[in-house]
């Protein structure tokens, strides 16, 4: 899955791609942040990206990434959702 660093204004909910950001592999980004990532919202207005995630480093500094989620990730999230409900 591909990802790119983003800027997110929490007050206005405005999302934009960070200037000079490069496309990165999402798995590598997760490893860099020790899997301390969480999904904030769906993204519909930026082509090729489906979700906005916030990532926290060791000092608890926040970074935002736009991610193009693939079918495997969506299936995994759905499976965990059903597991948490006790339906799986």
C-alpha atoms as a PDB file:
ATOM      1  CA  UNK A   1       0.000   0.000   0.000  1.00  0.00           C
ATOM      2  CA  UNK A   2       1.235   3.444  -0.741  1.00  0.00           C
ATOM      3  CA  UNK A   3       1.186   6.400   1.609  1.00  0.00           C
ATOM      4  CA  UNK A   4       2.275  10.021   1.614  1.00  0.00           C
ATOM      5  CA  UNK A   5       2.789  12.483   4.438  1.00  0.00           C
ATOM      6  CA  UNK A   6      -0.086  14.917   4.843  1.00  0.00           C
ATOM      7  CA  UNK A   7      -1.055  18.068   6.663  1.00  0.00           C
ATOM      8  CA  UNK A   8      -4.293  18.001   8.626  1.00  0.00           C
ATOM      9  CA  UNK A   9      -6.054  20.901  10.299  1.00  0.00           C
ATOM     10  CA  UNK A  10      -8.101  19.385  13.096  1.00  0.00           C
ATOM     11  CA  UNK A  11     -10.306  22.470  13.485  1.00  0.00           C
ATOM     12  CA  UNK A  12     -11.350  22.785   9.840  1.00  0.00           C
ATOM     13  CA  UNK A  13     -10.816  19.094   8.929  1.00  0.00           C
ATOM     14  CA  UNK A  14      -8.783  20.272   5.898  1.00  0.00           C
ATOM     15  CA  UNK A  15      -6.403  17.671   4.448  1.00  0.00           C
ATOM     16  CA  UNK A  16      -3.575  18.354   2.019  1.00  0.00           C
ATOM     17  CA  UNK A  17      -0.427  16.597   0.870  1.00  0.00           C
ATOM     18  CA  UNK A  18       2.631  17.970   2.645  1.00  0.00           C
ATOM     19  CA  UNK A  19       4.973  19.997   0.445  1.00  0.00           C
ATOM     20  CA  UNK A  20       7.921  17.944  -0.903  1.00  0.00           C
ATOM     21  CA  UNK A  21       6.426  14.707   0.501  1.00  0.00           C
ATOM     22  CA  UNK A  22       7.395  11.481  -1.241  1.00  0.00           C
ATOM     23  CA  UNK A  23       5.336   8.326  -1.662  1.00  0.00           C
ATOM     24  CA  UNK A  24       6.313   5.707   0.925  1.00  0.00           C
ATOM     25  CA  UNK A  25       5.394   2.102   1.581  1.00  0.00           C
ATOM     26  CA  UNK A  26       2.753   2.076   4.334  1.00  0.00           C
ATOM     27  CA  UNK A  27       4.232  -0.979   6.069  1.00  0.00           C
ATOM     28  CA  UNK A  28       7.588   0.832   6.352  1.00  0.00           C
ATOM     29  CA  UNK A  29       5.867   3.890   7.806  1.00  0.00           C
ATOM     30  CA  UNK A  30       4.104   1.720  10.404  1.00  0.00           C
ATOM     31  CA  UNK A  31       7.414   0.106  11.398  1.00  0.00           C
ATOM     32  CA  UNK A  32       9.086   3.520  11.735  1.00  0.00           C
ATOM     33  CA  UNK A  33       6.354   4.569  14.179  1.00  0.00           C
ATOM     34  CA  UNK A  34       6.367   1.179  15.997  1.00  0.00           C
ATOM     35  CA  UNK A  35       2.807   0.535  14.764  1.00  0.00           C
ATOM     36  CA  UNK A  36       1.524   3.453  16.853  1.00  0.00           C
ATOM     37  CA  UNK A  37      -0.911   4.480  14.116  1.00  0.00           C
ATOM     38  CA  UNK A  38      -4.654   5.000  14.049  1.00  0.00           C
ATOM     39  CA  UNK A  39      -7.149   5.783  11.336  1.00  0.00           C
ATOM     40  CA  UNK A  40      -8.802   9.195  11.609  1.00  0.00           C
ATOM     41  CA  UNK A  41     -11.227   9.345   8.706  1.00  0.00           C
ATOM     42  CA  UNK A  42     -12.151   8.374   5.158  1.00  0.00           C
ATOM     43  CA  UNK A  43     -10.678  10.482   2.374  1.00  0.00           C
ATOM     44  CA  UNK A  44     -12.782  11.098  -0.708  1.00  0.00           C
ATOM     45  CA  UNK A  45     -11.490  14.355  -2.142  1.00  0.00           C
ATOM     46  CA  UNK A  46      -7.830  13.415  -2.754  1.00  0.00           C
ATOM     47  CA  UNK A  47      -7.473  11.027  -5.668  1.00  0.00           C
ATOM     48  CA  UNK A  48      -5.827   7.627  -5.029  1.00  0.00           C
ATOM     49  CA  UNK A  49      -6.063   7.863  -1.227  1.00  0.00           C
ATOM     50  CA  UNK A  50      -8.805   6.346   0.916  1.00  0.00           C
ATOM     51  CA  UNK A  51      -7.859   7.036   4.533  1.00  0.00           C
ATOM     52  CA  UNK A  52      -6.078   9.514   6.792  1.00  0.00           C
ATOM     53  CA  UNK A  53      -3.962   8.074   9.606  1.00  0.00           C
ATOM     54  CA  UNK A  54      -2.177   9.714  12.511  1.00  0.00           C
ATOM     55  CA  UNK A  55       1.168   8.294  13.608  1.00  0.00           C
ATOM     56  CA  UNK A  56       3.013   8.944  16.872  1.00  0.00           C
ATOM     57  CA  UNK A  57       6.784   8.765  17.353  1.00  0.00           C
ATOM     58  CA  UNK A  58       8.626   7.897  20.587  1.00  0.00           C
ATOM     59  CA  UNK A  59       8.234  11.468  21.883  1.00  0.00           C
ATOM     60  CA  UNK A  60       4.497  11.340  21.119  1.00  0.00           C
ATOM     61  CA  UNK A  61       4.818  13.819  18.225  1.00  0.00           C
ATOM     62  CA  UNK A  62       2.011  13.482  15.714  1.00  0.00           C
ATOM     63  CA  UNK A  63       2.415  12.977  11.946  1.00  0.00           C
ATOM     64  CA  UNK A  64      -0.347  12.445   9.425  1.00  0.00           C
ATOM     65  CA  UNK A  65      -0.329  10.125   6.412  1.00  0.00           C
ATOM     66  CA  UNK A  66      -2.729   9.618   3.542  1.00  0.00           C
ATOM     67  CA  UNK A  67      -2.985   5.925   2.676  1.00  0.00           C
ATOM     68  CA  UNK A  68      -4.340   4.084  -0.330  1.00  0.00           C
ATOM     69  CA  UNK A  69      -5.920   1.107   1.392  1.00  0.00           C
ATOM     70  CA  UNK A  70      -6.120  -2.113  -0.567  1.00  0.00           C
ATOM     71  CA  UNK A  71      -8.649  -4.934  -0.338  1.00  0.00           C
ATOM     72  CA  UNK A  72      -6.460  -6.977   2.022  1.00  0.00           C
ATOM     73  CA  UNK A  73      -6.404  -4.195   4.624  1.00  0.00           C
ATOM     74  CA  UNK A  74     -10.154  -3.634   4.341  1.00  0.00           C
ATOM     75  CA  UNK A  75     -10.789  -7.363   4.812  1.00  0.00           C
ATOM     76  CA  UNK A  76      -8.478  -7.475   7.814  1.00  0.00           C
ATOM     77  CA  UNK A  77     -10.214  -4.465   9.429  1.00  0.00           C
ATOM     78  CA  UNK A  78     -13.620  -6.040   8.825  1.00  0.00           C
ATOM     79  CA  UNK A  79     -12.459  -9.354  10.329  1.00  0.00           C
ATOM     80  CA  UNK A  80     -11.127  -7.595  13.456  1.00  0.00           C
ATOM     81  CA  UNK A  81     -14.357  -5.588  13.710  1.00  0.00           C
ATOM     82  CA  UNK A  82     -16.408  -8.794  13.702  1.00  0.00           C
ATOM     83  CA  UNK A  83     -13.975 -10.442  16.145  1.00  0.00           C
ATOM     84  CA  UNK A  84     -14.433  -7.532  18.545  1.00  0.00           C
ATOM     85  CA  UNK A  85     -18.210  -7.907  18.290  1.00  0.00           C
ATOM     86  CA  UNK A  86     -17.923 -11.629  18.947  1.00  0.00           C
ATOM     87  CA  UNK A  87     -19.416 -12.507  15.557  1.00  0.00           C
ATOM     88  CA  UNK A  88     -16.423 -14.240  13.984  1.00  0.00           C
END
